[in-house]
Full PDB file with SEQRES, HELIX, SHEET, SSBOND, CRYST1, ORIGX, SCALE, CONECT and MASTER records, all heavy atoms in Angstrom:
SEQRES   1 A   27  VAL ALA ILE GLY ILE GLU ILE ALA SER SER PRO LEU ARG          
SEQRES   2 A   27  ALA ILE ASN ASP LEU GLY PRO ALA VAL THR VAL SER ASP          
SEQRES   3 A   27  PHE                                                          
HELIX    1 AA1 ILE A   15  ASP A   17  5                                   3    
HELIX    2 AA2 PRO A   20  SER A   25  1                                   6    
CRYST1    1.000    1.000    1.000  90.00  90.00  90.00 P 1           1          
ORIGX1      1.000000  0.000000  0.000000        0.00000                         
ORIGX2      0.000000  1.000000  0.000000        0.00000                         
ORIGX3      0.000000  0.000000  1.000000        0.00000                         
SCALE1      1.000000  0.000000  0.000000        0.00000                         
SCALE2      0.000000  1.000000  0.000000        0.00000                         
SCALE3      0.000000  0.000000  1.000000        0.00000                         
ATOM      1  N   VAL A   1      -8.471  19.141  -9.870  1.00  0.00           N  
ATOM      2  CA  VAL A   1      -9.004  17.802  -9.636  1.00  0.00           C  
ATOM      3  C   VAL A   1      -8.866  17.024 -10.940  1.00  0.00           C  
ATOM      4  O   VAL A   1      -9.240  17.498 -12.008  1.00  0.00           O  
ATOM      5  CB  VAL A   1     -10.480  17.840  -9.198  1.00  0.00           C  
ATOM      6  CG1 VAL A   1     -11.021  16.426  -9.017  1.00  0.00           C  
ATOM      7  CG2 VAL A   1     -10.640  18.654  -7.925  1.00  0.00           C  
ATOM      8  N   ALA A   2      -8.312  15.819 -10.842  1.00  0.00           N  
ATOM      9  CA  ALA A   2      -8.126  14.982 -12.023  1.00  0.00           C  
ATOM     10  C   ALA A   2      -8.555  13.556 -11.699  1.00  0.00           C  
ATOM     11  O   ALA A   2      -8.765  13.185 -10.537  1.00  0.00           O  
ATOM     12  CB  ALA A   2      -6.659  15.008 -12.476  1.00  0.00           C  
ATOM     13  N   ILE A   3      -8.695  12.750 -12.735  1.00  0.00           N  
ATOM     14  CA  ILE A   3      -8.942  11.324 -12.532  1.00  0.00           C  
ATOM     15  C   ILE A   3      -7.606  10.598 -12.632  1.00  0.00           C  
ATOM     16  O   ILE A   3      -6.653  11.099 -13.226  1.00  0.00           O  
ATOM     17  CB  ILE A   3      -9.943  10.759 -13.557  1.00  0.00           C  
ATOM     18  CG1 ILE A   3      -9.374  10.851 -14.984  1.00  0.00           C  
ATOM     19  CG2 ILE A   3     -11.264  11.493 -13.456  1.00  0.00           C  
ATOM     20  CD1 ILE A   3     -10.225  10.145 -16.031  1.00  0.00           C  
ATOM     21  N   GLY A   4      -7.535   9.403 -12.040  1.00  0.00           N  
ATOM     22  CA  GLY A   4      -6.276   8.693 -12.108  1.00  0.00           C  
ATOM     23  C   GLY A   4      -6.346   7.284 -11.569  1.00  0.00           C  
ATOM     24  O   GLY A   4      -7.399   6.796 -11.153  1.00  0.00           O  
ATOM     25  N   ILE A   5      -5.195   6.640 -11.598  1.00  0.00           N  
ATOM     26  CA  ILE A   5      -5.040   5.291 -11.071  1.00  0.00           C  
ATOM     27  C   ILE A   5      -3.835   5.290 -10.134  1.00  0.00           C  
ATOM     28  O   ILE A   5      -2.730   5.671 -10.541  1.00  0.00           O  
ATOM     29  CB  ILE A   5      -4.829   4.249 -12.184  1.00  0.00           C  
ATOM     30  CG1 ILE A   5      -6.045   4.178 -13.100  1.00  0.00           C  
ATOM     31  CG2 ILE A   5      -4.521   2.875 -11.594  1.00  0.00           C  
ATOM     32  CD1 ILE A   5      -5.872   3.250 -14.297  1.00  0.00           C  
ATOM     33  N   GLU A   6      -4.066   4.869  -8.888  1.00  0.00           N  
ATOM     34  CA  GLU A   6      -2.936   4.648  -7.994  1.00  0.00           C  
ATOM     35  C   GLU A   6      -2.449   3.222  -8.170  1.00  0.00           C  
ATOM     36  O   GLU A   6      -3.252   2.286  -8.222  1.00  0.00           O  
ATOM     37  CB  GLU A   6      -3.304   4.856  -6.521  1.00  0.00           C  
ATOM     38  CG  GLU A   6      -2.060   4.706  -5.628  1.00  0.00           C  
ATOM     39  CD  GLU A   6      -2.332   4.315  -4.199  1.00  0.00           C  
ATOM     40  OE1 GLU A   6      -3.488   4.409  -3.747  1.00  0.00           O  
ATOM     41  OE2 GLU A   6      -1.379   3.886  -3.529  1.00  0.00           O  
ATOM     42  N   ILE A   7      -1.139   3.069  -8.274  1.00  0.00           N  
ATOM     43  CA  ILE A   7      -0.537   1.749  -8.323  1.00  0.00           C  
ATOM     44  C   ILE A   7      -0.003   1.435  -6.931  1.00  0.00           C  
ATOM     45  O   ILE A   7       0.938   2.072  -6.442  1.00  0.00           O  
ATOM     46  CB  ILE A   7       0.596   1.676  -9.353  1.00  0.00           C  
ATOM     47  CG1 ILE A   7       0.064   2.005 -10.754  1.00  0.00           C  
ATOM     48  CG2 ILE A   7       1.256   0.300  -9.318  1.00  0.00           C  
ATOM     49  CD1 ILE A   7      -1.023   1.077 -11.251  1.00  0.00           C  
ATOM     50  N   ALA A   8      -0.635   0.476  -6.290  1.00  0.00           N  
ATOM     51  CA  ALA A   8      -0.169   0.016  -4.982  1.00  0.00           C  
ATOM     52  C   ALA A   8       0.784  -1.145  -5.209  1.00  0.00           C  
ATOM     53  O   ALA A   8       0.475  -2.065  -5.967  1.00  0.00           O  
ATOM     54  CB  ALA A   8      -1.347  -0.427  -4.121  1.00  0.00           C  
ATOM     55  N   SER A   9       1.949  -1.096  -4.577  1.00  0.00           N  
ATOM     56  CA  SER A   9       2.885  -2.207  -4.703  1.00  0.00           C  
ATOM     57  C   SER A   9       3.886  -2.135  -3.573  1.00  0.00           C  
ATOM     58  O   SER A   9       4.292  -1.041  -3.145  1.00  0.00           O  
ATOM     59  CB  SER A   9       3.601  -2.177  -6.055  1.00  0.00           C  
ATOM     60  OG  SER A   9       4.351  -3.373  -6.253  1.00  0.00           O  
ATOM     61  N   SER A  10       4.287  -3.294  -3.095  1.00  0.00           N  
ATOM     62  CA  SER A  10       5.201  -3.409  -1.967  1.00  0.00           C  
ATOM     63  C   SER A  10       6.013  -4.684  -2.112  1.00  0.00           C  
ATOM     64  O   SER A  10       5.528  -5.666  -2.691  1.00  0.00           O  
ATOM     65  CB  SER A  10       4.412  -3.450  -0.650  1.00  0.00           C  
ATOM     66  OG  SER A  10       5.230  -3.870   0.432  1.00  0.00           O  
ATOM     67  N   PRO A  11       7.235  -4.703  -1.572  1.00  0.00           N  
ATOM     68  CA  PRO A  11       7.978  -5.960  -1.536  1.00  0.00           C  
ATOM     69  C   PRO A  11       7.273  -7.018  -0.682  1.00  0.00           C  
ATOM     70  O   PRO A  11       7.481  -8.214  -0.876  1.00  0.00           O  
ATOM     71  CB  PRO A  11       9.322  -5.571  -0.903  1.00  0.00           C  
ATOM     72  CG  PRO A  11       9.413  -4.097  -1.046  1.00  0.00           C  
ATOM     73  CD  PRO A  11       8.011  -3.595  -1.016  1.00  0.00           C  
ATOM     74  N   LEU A  12       6.447  -6.569   0.266  1.00  0.00           N  
ATOM     75  CA  LEU A  12       5.751  -7.475   1.178  1.00  0.00           C  
ATOM     76  C   LEU A  12       4.527  -8.073   0.486  1.00  0.00           C  
ATOM     77  O   LEU A  12       3.541  -7.384   0.227  1.00  0.00           O  
ATOM     78  CB  LEU A  12       5.319  -6.737   2.434  1.00  0.00           C  
ATOM     79  CG  LEU A  12       6.450  -6.284   3.358  1.00  0.00           C  
ATOM     80  CD1 LEU A  12       5.974  -5.170   4.282  1.00  0.00           C  
ATOM     81  CD2 LEU A  12       6.979  -7.462   4.153  1.00  0.00           C  
ATOM     82  N   ARG A  13       4.578  -9.337   0.196  1.00  0.00           N  
ATOM     83  CA  ARG A  13       3.473  -9.977  -0.533  1.00  0.00           C  
ATOM     84  C   ARG A  13       2.165  -9.904   0.250  1.00  0.00           C  
ATOM     85  O   ARG A  13       1.086  -9.771  -0.317  1.00  0.00           O  
ATOM     86  CB  ARG A  13       3.812 -11.449  -0.809  1.00  0.00           C  
ATOM     87  CG  ARG A  13       5.095 -11.661  -1.590  1.00  0.00           C  
ATOM     88  CD  ARG A  13       5.322 -13.143  -1.859  1.00  0.00           C  
ATOM     89  NE  ARG A  13       6.670 -13.375  -2.370  1.00  0.00           N  
ATOM     90  CZ  ARG A  13       7.690 -13.804  -1.619  1.00  0.00           C  
ATOM     91  NH1 ARG A  13       7.485 -14.061  -0.342  1.00  0.00           N  
ATOM     92  NH2 ARG A  13       8.875 -14.000  -2.144  1.00  0.00           N  
ATOM     93  N   ALA A  14       2.269  -9.996   1.565  1.00  0.00           N  
ATOM     94  CA  ALA A  14       1.066 -10.036   2.409  1.00  0.00           C  
ATOM     95  C   ALA A  14       0.819  -8.713   3.114  1.00  0.00           C  
ATOM     96  O   ALA A  14       0.180  -8.685   4.167  1.00  0.00           O  
ATOM     97  CB  ALA A  14       1.197 -11.164   3.432  1.00  0.00           C  
ATOM     98  N   ILE A  15       1.269  -7.600   2.546  1.00  0.00           N  
ATOM     99  CA  ILE A  15       1.212  -6.321   3.254  1.00  0.00           C  
ATOM    100  C   ILE A  15      -0.204  -5.985   3.732  1.00  0.00           C  
ATOM    101  O   ILE A  15      -0.374  -5.478   4.847  1.00  0.00           O  
ATOM    102  CB  ILE A  15       1.789  -5.170   2.393  1.00  0.00           C  
ATOM    103  CG1 ILE A  15       1.875  -3.877   3.233  1.00  0.00           C  
ATOM    104  CG2 ILE A  15       1.005  -4.973   1.102  1.00  0.00           C  
ATOM    105  CD1 ILE A  15       2.670  -2.777   2.579  1.00  0.00           C  
ATOM    106  N   ASN A  16      -1.201  -6.276   2.939  1.00  0.00           N  
ATOM    107  CA  ASN A  16      -2.563  -5.911   3.328  1.00  0.00           C  
ATOM    108  C   ASN A  16      -3.141  -6.812   4.413  1.00  0.00           C  
ATOM    109  O   ASN A  16      -4.230  -6.553   4.926  1.00  0.00           O  
ATOM    110  CB  ASN A  16      -3.487  -5.896   2.107  1.00  0.00           C  
ATOM    111  CG  ASN A  16      -3.351  -4.608   1.319  1.00  0.00           C  
ATOM    112  OD1 ASN A  16      -2.569  -3.735   1.668  1.00  0.00           O  
ATOM    113  ND2 ASN A  16      -4.104  -4.481   0.249  1.00  0.00           N  
ATOM    114  N   ASP A  17      -2.417  -7.872   4.748  1.00  0.00           N  
ATOM    115  CA  ASP A  17      -2.860  -8.761   5.824  1.00  0.00           C  
ATOM    116  C   ASP A  17      -2.139  -8.471   7.135  1.00  0.00           C  
ATOM    117  O   ASP A  17      -2.455  -9.090   8.158  1.00  0.00           O  
ATOM    118  CB  ASP A  17      -2.610 -10.224   5.441  1.00  0.00           C  
ATOM    119  CG  ASP A  17      -3.338 -10.631   4.173  1.00  0.00           C  
ATOM    120  OD1 ASP A  17      -4.478 -10.160   3.980  1.00  0.00           O  
ATOM    121  OD2 ASP A  17      -2.760 -11.401   3.383  1.00  0.00           O  
ATOM    122  N   LEU A  18      -1.185  -7.539   7.120  1.00  0.00           N  
ATOM    123  CA  LEU A  18      -0.332  -7.300   8.285  1.00  0.00           C  
ATOM    124  C   LEU A  18      -0.743  -6.081   9.100  1.00  0.00           C  
ATOM    125  O   LEU A  18      -0.103  -5.767  10.096  1.00  0.00           O  
ATOM    126  CB  LEU A  18       1.136  -7.149   7.828  1.00  0.00           C  
ATOM    127  CG  LEU A  18       1.714  -8.376   7.112  1.00  0.00           C  
ATOM    128  CD1 LEU A  18       3.138  -8.092   6.649  1.00  0.00           C  
ATOM    129  CD2 LEU A  18       1.676  -9.595   8.015  1.00  0.00           C  
ATOM    130  N   GLY A  19      -1.795  -5.407   8.687  1.00  0.00           N  
ATOM    131  CA  GLY A  19      -2.319  -4.297   9.474  1.00  0.00           C  
ATOM    132  C   GLY A  19      -1.901  -2.928   8.983  1.00  0.00           C  
ATOM    133  O   GLY A  19      -0.906  -2.777   8.276  1.00  0.00           O  
ATOM    134  N   PRO A  20      -2.676  -1.884   9.353  1.00  0.00           N  
ATOM    135  CA  PRO A  20      -2.427  -0.524   8.865  1.00  0.00           C  
ATOM    136  C   PRO A  20      -1.055   0.032   9.242  1.00  0.00           C  
ATOM    137  O   PRO A  20      -0.464   0.784   8.463  1.00  0.00           O  
ATOM    138  CB  PRO A  20      -3.544   0.294   9.523  1.00  0.00           C  
ATOM    139  CG  PRO A  20      -4.601  -0.695   9.856  1.00  0.00           C  
ATOM    140  CD  PRO A  20      -3.887  -1.973  10.179  1.00  0.00           C  
ATOM    141  N   ALA A  21      -0.535  -0.294  10.427  1.00  0.00           N  
ATOM    142  CA  ALA A  21       0.759   0.250  10.840  1.00  0.00           C  
ATOM    143  C   ALA A  21       1.873  -0.246   9.931  1.00  0.00           C  
ATOM    144  O   ALA A  21       2.805   0.505   9.587  1.00  0.00           O  
ATOM    145  CB  ALA A  21       1.053  -0.110  12.296  1.00  0.00           C  
ATOM    146  N   VAL A  22       1.799  -1.506   9.504  1.00  0.00           N  
ATOM    147  CA  VAL A  22       2.776  -2.038   8.560  1.00  0.00           C  
ATOM    148  C   VAL A  22       2.629  -1.350   7.208  1.00  0.00           C  
ATOM    149  O   VAL A  22       3.617  -0.976   6.574  1.00  0.00           O  
ATOM    150  CB  VAL A  22       2.614  -3.571   8.423  1.00  0.00           C  
ATOM    151  CG1 VAL A  22       3.362  -4.092   7.198  1.00  0.00           C  
ATOM    152  CG2 VAL A  22       3.128  -4.260   9.679  1.00  0.00           C  
ATOM    153  N   THR A  23       1.395  -1.169   6.758  1.00  0.00           N  
ATOM    154  CA  THR A  23       1.168  -0.468   5.488  1.00  0.00           C  
ATOM    155  C   THR A  23       1.781   0.921   5.521  1.00  0.00           C  
ATOM    156  O   THR A  23       2.465   1.345   4.576  1.00  0.00           O  
ATOM    157  CB  THR A  23      -0.336  -0.370   5.193  1.00  0.00           C  
ATOM    158  OG1 THR A  23      -0.875  -1.695   5.079  1.00  0.00           O  
ATOM    159  CG2 THR A  23      -0.601   0.382   3.903  1.00  0.00           C  
ATOM    160  N   VAL A  24       1.558   1.657   6.604  1.00  0.00           N  
ATOM    161  CA  VAL A  24       2.131   2.995   6.754  1.00  0.00           C  
ATOM    162  C   VAL A  24       3.645   2.942   6.657  1.00  0.00           C  
ATOM    163  O   VAL A  24       4.283   3.783   5.998  1.00  0.00           O  
ATOM    164  CB  VAL A  24       1.695   3.621   8.094  1.00  0.00           C  
ATOM    165  CG1 VAL A  24       2.562   4.824   8.454  1.00  0.00           C  
ATOM    166  CG2 VAL A  24       0.233   4.035   8.026  1.00  0.00           C  
ATOM    167  N   SER A  25       4.266   1.962   7.312  1.00  0.00           N  
ATOM    168  CA  SER A  25       5.724   1.918   7.370  1.00  0.00           C  
ATOM    169  C   SER A  25       6.355   1.742   6.010  1.00  0.00           C  
ATOM    170  O   SER A  25       7.479   2.200   5.772  1.00  0.00           O  
ATOM    171  CB  SER A  25       6.180   0.795   8.307  1.00  0.00           C  
ATOM    172  OG  SER A  25       5.972  -0.493   7.738  1.00  0.00           O  
ATOM    173  N   ASP A  26       5.672   1.093   5.067  1.00  0.00           N  
ATOM    174  CA  ASP A  26       6.215   0.879   3.725  1.00  0.00           C  
ATOM    175  C   ASP A  26       5.541   1.806   2.723  1.00  0.00           C  
ATOM    176  O   ASP A  26       4.898   1.374   1.756  1.00  0.00           O  
ATOM    177  CB  ASP A  26       6.043  -0.580   3.305  1.00  0.00           C  
ATOM    178  CG  ASP A  26       6.784  -0.890   2.004  1.00  0.00           C  
ATOM    179  OD1 ASP A  26       7.834  -0.268   1.749  1.00  0.00           O  
ATOM    180  OD2 ASP A  26       6.294  -1.733   1.236  1.00  0.00           O  
ATOM    181  N   PHE A  27       5.678   3.103   2.967  1.00  0.00           N  
ATOM    182  CA  PHE A  27       5.190   4.140   2.051  1.00  0.00           C  
ATOM    183  C   PHE A  27       3.705   4.018   1.748  1.00  0.00           C  
ATOM    184  O   PHE A  27       3.232   4.422   0.683  1.00  0.00           O  
ATOM    185  CB  PHE A  27       5.981   4.144   0.735  1.00  0.00           C  
ATOM    186  CG  PHE A  27       7.443   4.439   0.887  1.00  0.00           C  
ATOM    187  CD1 PHE A  27       8.372   3.929  -0.013  1.00  0.00           C  
ATOM    188  CD2 PHE A  27       7.908   5.240   1.921  1.00  0.00           C  
ATOM    189  CE1 PHE A  27       9.721   4.206   0.119  1.00  0.00           C  
ATOM    190  CE2 PHE A  27       9.259   5.522   2.058  1.00  0.00           C  
ATOM    191  CZ  PHE A  27      10.179   5.009   1.159  1.00  0.00           C  
TER     192      PHE A  27                                                      
MASTER        0    0    0    2    0    0    0    6  191    1    0    3          
END                                                                             
């Protein structure tokens, strides 16, 4: 178990507004 930082990033600027299925599709 370690501490860390996840870097979330996507080409889709609005990815978090497009729903979980879209988020899943882009890694």
